[in-house]
C-alpha atoms as a PDB file:
ATOM      1  CA  UNK A   1    -108.536 -30.756   8.882  1.00  0.00           C
ATOM      2  CA  UNK A   2    -111.716 -30.212   8.632  1.00  0.00           C
ATOM      3  CA  UNK A   3    -113.863 -28.206  11.261  1.00  0.00           C
ATOM      4  CA  UNK A   4    -117.183 -27.915  12.049  1.00  0.00           C
ATOM      5  CA  UNK A   5    -119.052 -25.363  13.777  1.00  0.00           C
ATOM      6  CA  UNK A   6    -122.817 -25.595  15.470  1.00  0.00           C
ATOM      7  CA  UNK A   7    -124.970 -22.805  15.861  1.00  0.00           C
ATOM      8  CA  UNK A   8    -128.527 -22.069  15.831  1.00  0.00           C
ATOM      9  CA  UNK A   9    -129.346 -23.159  19.832  1.00  0.00           C
ATOM     10  CA  UNK A  10    -131.046 -21.897  22.825  1.00  0.00           C
ATOM     11  CA  UNK A  11    -134.213 -21.976  25.160  1.00  0.00           C
ATOM     12  CA  UNK A  12    -137.695 -22.718  24.027  1.00  0.00           C
ATOM     13  CA  UNK A  13    -140.573 -23.956  25.783  1.00  0.00           C
ATOM     14  CA  UNK A  14    -141.940 -27.648  25.466  1.00  0.00           C
ATOM     15  CA  UNK A  15    -143.786 -27.969  22.052  1.00  0.00           C
ATOM     16  CA  UNK A  16    -141.391 -25.205  20.920  1.00  0.00           C
ATOM     17  CA  UNK A  17    -139.424 -25.694  17.427  1.00  0.00           C
ATOM     18  CA  UNK A  18    -135.340 -25.006  16.648  1.00  0.00           C
ATOM     19  CA  UNK A  19    -133.239 -24.870  13.708  1.00  0.00           C
ATOM     20  CA  UNK A  20    -129.883 -26.210  13.976  1.00  0.00           C
ATOM     21  CA  UNK A  21    -127.039 -25.448  12.243  1.00  0.00           C
ATOM     22  CA  UNK A  22    -123.726 -27.596  11.192  1.00  0.00           C
ATOM     23  CA  UNK A  23    -120.904 -25.202   9.105  1.00  0.00           C
ATOM     24  CA  UNK A  24    -118.276 -27.303   7.289  1.00  0.00           C
ATOM     25  CA  UNK A  25    -115.013 -25.787   6.541  1.00  0.00           C
ATOM     26  CA  UNK A  26    -114.272 -28.284   3.335  1.00  0.00           C
ATOM     27  CA  UNK A  27    -116.244 -28.684   0.372  1.00  0.00           C
ATOM     28  CA  UNK A  28    -114.951 -32.228  -1.013  1.00  0.00           C
ATOM     29  CA  UNK A  29    -115.377 -33.880   2.722  1.00  0.00           C
ATOM     30  CA  UNK A  30    -119.071 -33.021   2.777  1.00  0.00           C
ATOM     31  CA  UNK A  31    -120.171 -33.571  -0.601  1.00  0.00           C
ATOM     32  CA  UNK A  32    -118.590 -37.088  -0.077  1.00  0.00           C
ATOM     33  CA  UNK A  33    -119.028 -38.611   3.979  1.00  0.00           C
ATOM     34  CA  UNK A  34    -122.737 -38.855   5.484  1.00  0.00           C
ATOM     35  CA  UNK A  35    -122.928 -36.706   8.322  1.00  0.00           C
ATOM     36  CA  UNK A  36    -124.721 -36.854  11.464  1.00  0.00           C
ATOM     37  CA  UNK A  37    -126.456 -35.137  14.594  1.00  0.00           C
ATOM     38  CA  UNK A  38    -125.395 -35.744  17.917  1.00  0.00           C
ATOM     39  CA  UNK A  39    -126.186 -35.114  21.232  1.00  0.00           C
ATOM     40  CA  UNK A  40    -125.140 -35.141  25.106  1.00  0.00           C
ATOM     41  CA  UNK A  41    -127.550 -34.643  27.622  1.00  0.00           C
ATOM     42  CA  UNK A  42    -126.512 -33.777  31.026  1.00  0.00           C
ATOM     43  CA  UNK A  43    -124.792 -36.961  32.917  1.00  0.00           C
ATOM     44  CA  UNK A  44    -125.109 -38.944  29.694  1.00  0.00           C
ATOM     45  CA  UNK A  45    -123.103 -39.722  26.757  1.00  0.00           C
ATOM     46  CA  UNK A  46    -123.277 -38.538  23.715  1.00  0.00           C
ATOM     47  CA  UNK A  47    -125.782 -40.498  21.338  1.00  0.00           C
ATOM     48  CA  UNK A  48    -126.753 -40.340  18.087  1.00  0.00           C
ATOM     49  CA  UNK A  49    -129.411 -38.306  17.136  1.00  0.00           C
ATOM     50  CA  UNK A  50    -129.729 -38.564  13.083  1.00  0.00           C
ATOM     51  CA  UNK A  51    -128.006 -38.812   9.914  1.00  0.00           C
ATOM     52  CA  UNK A  52    -128.062 -37.639   6.336  1.00  0.00           C
ATOM     53  CA  UNK A  53    -125.557 -39.942   3.477  1.00  0.00           C
ATOM     54  CA  UNK A  54    -124.078 -37.709   0.538  1.00  0.00           C
ATOM     55  CA  UNK A  55    -127.530 -39.183  -1.629  1.00  0.00           C
ATOM     56  CA  UNK A  56    -130.240 -38.014   0.836  1.00  0.00           C
ATOM     57  CA  UNK A  57    -130.978 -40.749   2.940  1.00  0.00           C
ATOM     58  CA  UNK A  58    -131.907 -40.226   5.960  1.00  0.00           C
ATOM     59  CA  UNK A  59    -132.395 -42.115   9.544  1.00  0.00           C
ATOM     60  CA  UNK A  60    -132.693 -41.188  12.852  1.00  0.00           C
ATOM     61  CA  UNK A  61    -132.997 -42.516  16.589  1.00  0.00           C
ATOM     62  CA  UNK A  62    -136.147 -43.882  17.777  1.00  0.00           C
ATOM     63  CA  UNK A  63    -137.086 -40.802  20.410  1.00  0.00           C
ATOM     64  CA  UNK A  64    -136.745 -38.316  17.698  1.00  0.00           C
ATOM     65  CA  UNK A  65    -138.058 -39.716  14.556  1.00  0.00           C
ATOM     66  CA  UNK A  66    -141.415 -37.710  13.362  1.00  0.00           C
ATOM     67  CA  UNK A  67    -140.023 -34.869  15.572  1.00  0.00           C
ATOM     68  CA  UNK A  68    -136.954 -33.765  14.458  1.00  0.00           C
ATOM     69  CA  UNK A  69    -135.561 -33.321  10.310  1.00  0.00           C
ATOM     70  CA  UNK A  70    -132.183 -33.767   8.954  1.00  0.00           C
ATOM     71  CA  UNK A  71    -131.265 -32.008   6.152  1.00  0.00           C
ATOM     72  CA  UNK A  72    -128.482 -30.751   4.657  1.00  0.00           C
ATOM     73  CA  UNK A  73    -126.829 -28.000   1.847  1.00  0.00           C
ATOM     74  CA  UNK A  74    -124.636 -28.952   0.033  1.00  0.00           C
ATOM     75  CA  UNK A  75    -123.928 -24.932  -1.963  1.00  0.00           C
ATOM     76  CA  UNK A  76    -122.969 -24.121   1.437  1.00  0.00           C
ATOM     77  CA  UNK A  77    -121.860 -26.864   3.185  1.00  0.00           C
ATOM     78  CA  UNK A  78    -124.582 -26.246   6.034  1.00  0.00           C
ATOM     79  CA  UNK A  79    -126.115 -29.083   7.809  1.00  0.00           C
ATOM     80  CA  UNK A  80    -129.336 -28.622   9.273  1.00  0.00           C
ATOM     81  CA  UNK A  81    -131.611 -30.486  11.779  1.00  0.00           C
ATOM     82  CA  UNK A  82    -134.783 -28.699  12.464  1.00  0.00           C
ATOM     83  CA  UNK A  83    -136.302 -29.649  16.049  1.00  0.00           C
ATOM     84  CA  UNK A  84    -139.900 -29.808  16.794  1.00  0.00           C
ATOM     85  CA  UNK A  85    -142.370 -30.152  19.172  1.00  0.00           C
ATOM     86  CA  UNK A  86    -139.598 -30.105  21.734  1.00  0.00           C
ATOM     87  CA  UNK A  87    -139.428 -31.700  25.410  1.00  0.00           C
ATOM     88  CA  UNK A  88    -137.671 -31.604  28.291  1.00  0.00           C
ATOM     89  CA  UNK A  89    -135.941 -33.997  27.210  1.00  0.00           C
ATOM     90  CA  UNK A  90    -134.318 -33.388  24.795  1.00  0.00           C
ATOM     91  CA  UNK A  91    -131.843 -30.556  26.287  1.00  0.00           C
ATOM     92  CA  UNK A  92    -128.522 -30.963  25.534  1.00  0.00           C
ATOM     93  CA  UNK A  93    -125.505 -30.241  23.644  1.00  0.00           C
ATOM     94  CA  UNK A  94    -125.956 -30.450  20.213  1.00  0.00           C
ATOM     95  CA  UNK A  95    -122.654 -31.718  17.521  1.00  0.00           C
ATOM     96  CA  UNK A  96    -122.156 -32.860  13.914  1.00  0.00           C
ATOM     97  CA  UNK A  97    -119.284 -34.920  12.735  1.00  0.00           C
ATOM     98  CA  UNK A  98    -119.308 -37.907  10.341  1.00  0.00           C
ATOM     99  CA  UNK A  99    -121.680 -41.274  10.179  1.00  0.00           C
ATOM    100  CA  UNK A 100    -121.371 -43.343  11.460  1.00  0.00           C
ATOM    101  CA  UNK A 101    -117.905 -43.140  12.590  1.00  0.00           C
ATOM    102  CA  UNK A 102    -117.559 -39.752  14.001  1.00  0.00           C
ATOM    103  CA  UNK A 103    -113.810 -37.964  14.090  1.00  0.00           C
ATOM    104  CA  UNK A 104    -111.727 -36.633  16.782  1.00  0.00           C
ATOM    105  CA  UNK A 105    -112.792 -33.152  15.634  1.00  0.00           C
ATOM    106  CA  UNK A 106    -115.539 -32.086  17.698  1.00  0.00           C
ATOM    107  CA  UNK A 107    -116.908 -29.011  17.330  1.00  0.00           C
ATOM    108  CA  UNK A 108    -118.234 -27.103  20.213  1.00  0.00           C
ATOM    109  CA  UNK A 109    -121.432 -27.954  20.108  1.00  0.00           C
ATOM    110  CA  UNK A 110    -124.954 -25.677  20.493  1.00  0.00           C
ATOM    111  CA  UNK A 111    -126.776 -25.844  23.807  1.00  0.00           C
ATOM    112  CA  UNK A 112    -130.586 -27.062  23.211  1.00  0.00           C
ATOM    113  CA  UNK A 113    -132.384 -26.200  26.613  1.00  0.00           C
ATOM    114  CA  UNK A 114    -136.645 -26.498  26.988  1.00  0.00           C
ATOM    115  CA  UNK A 115    -138.639 -25.498  29.571  1.00  0.00           C
ATOM    116  CA  UNK A 116    -141.928 -27.739  30.523  1.00  0.00           C
END
């Protein structure tokens, strides 16, 4: 059973940057899967943010296009999300999981907060 562990969140001012990391426990899973980042803002459903295929194809939700960048390091089984030009509306708990169909093994997520 694969385990996912997110880290790197924090409190930043609007316009600031963060780098989120997602550590994946199984190398065979990591190298073969399309993986994505999702987020859940207070009072909202969890939503898609960005995804990267095993071959490097990327896709982004419209609201983060041009500001966020997804990347992966197969050697360390780590998925990254670089968040730039952060806005208060980016405040949420961020999660990683499979894409397009997340599995039920969600990690604890990492909190991103953005002050005006």
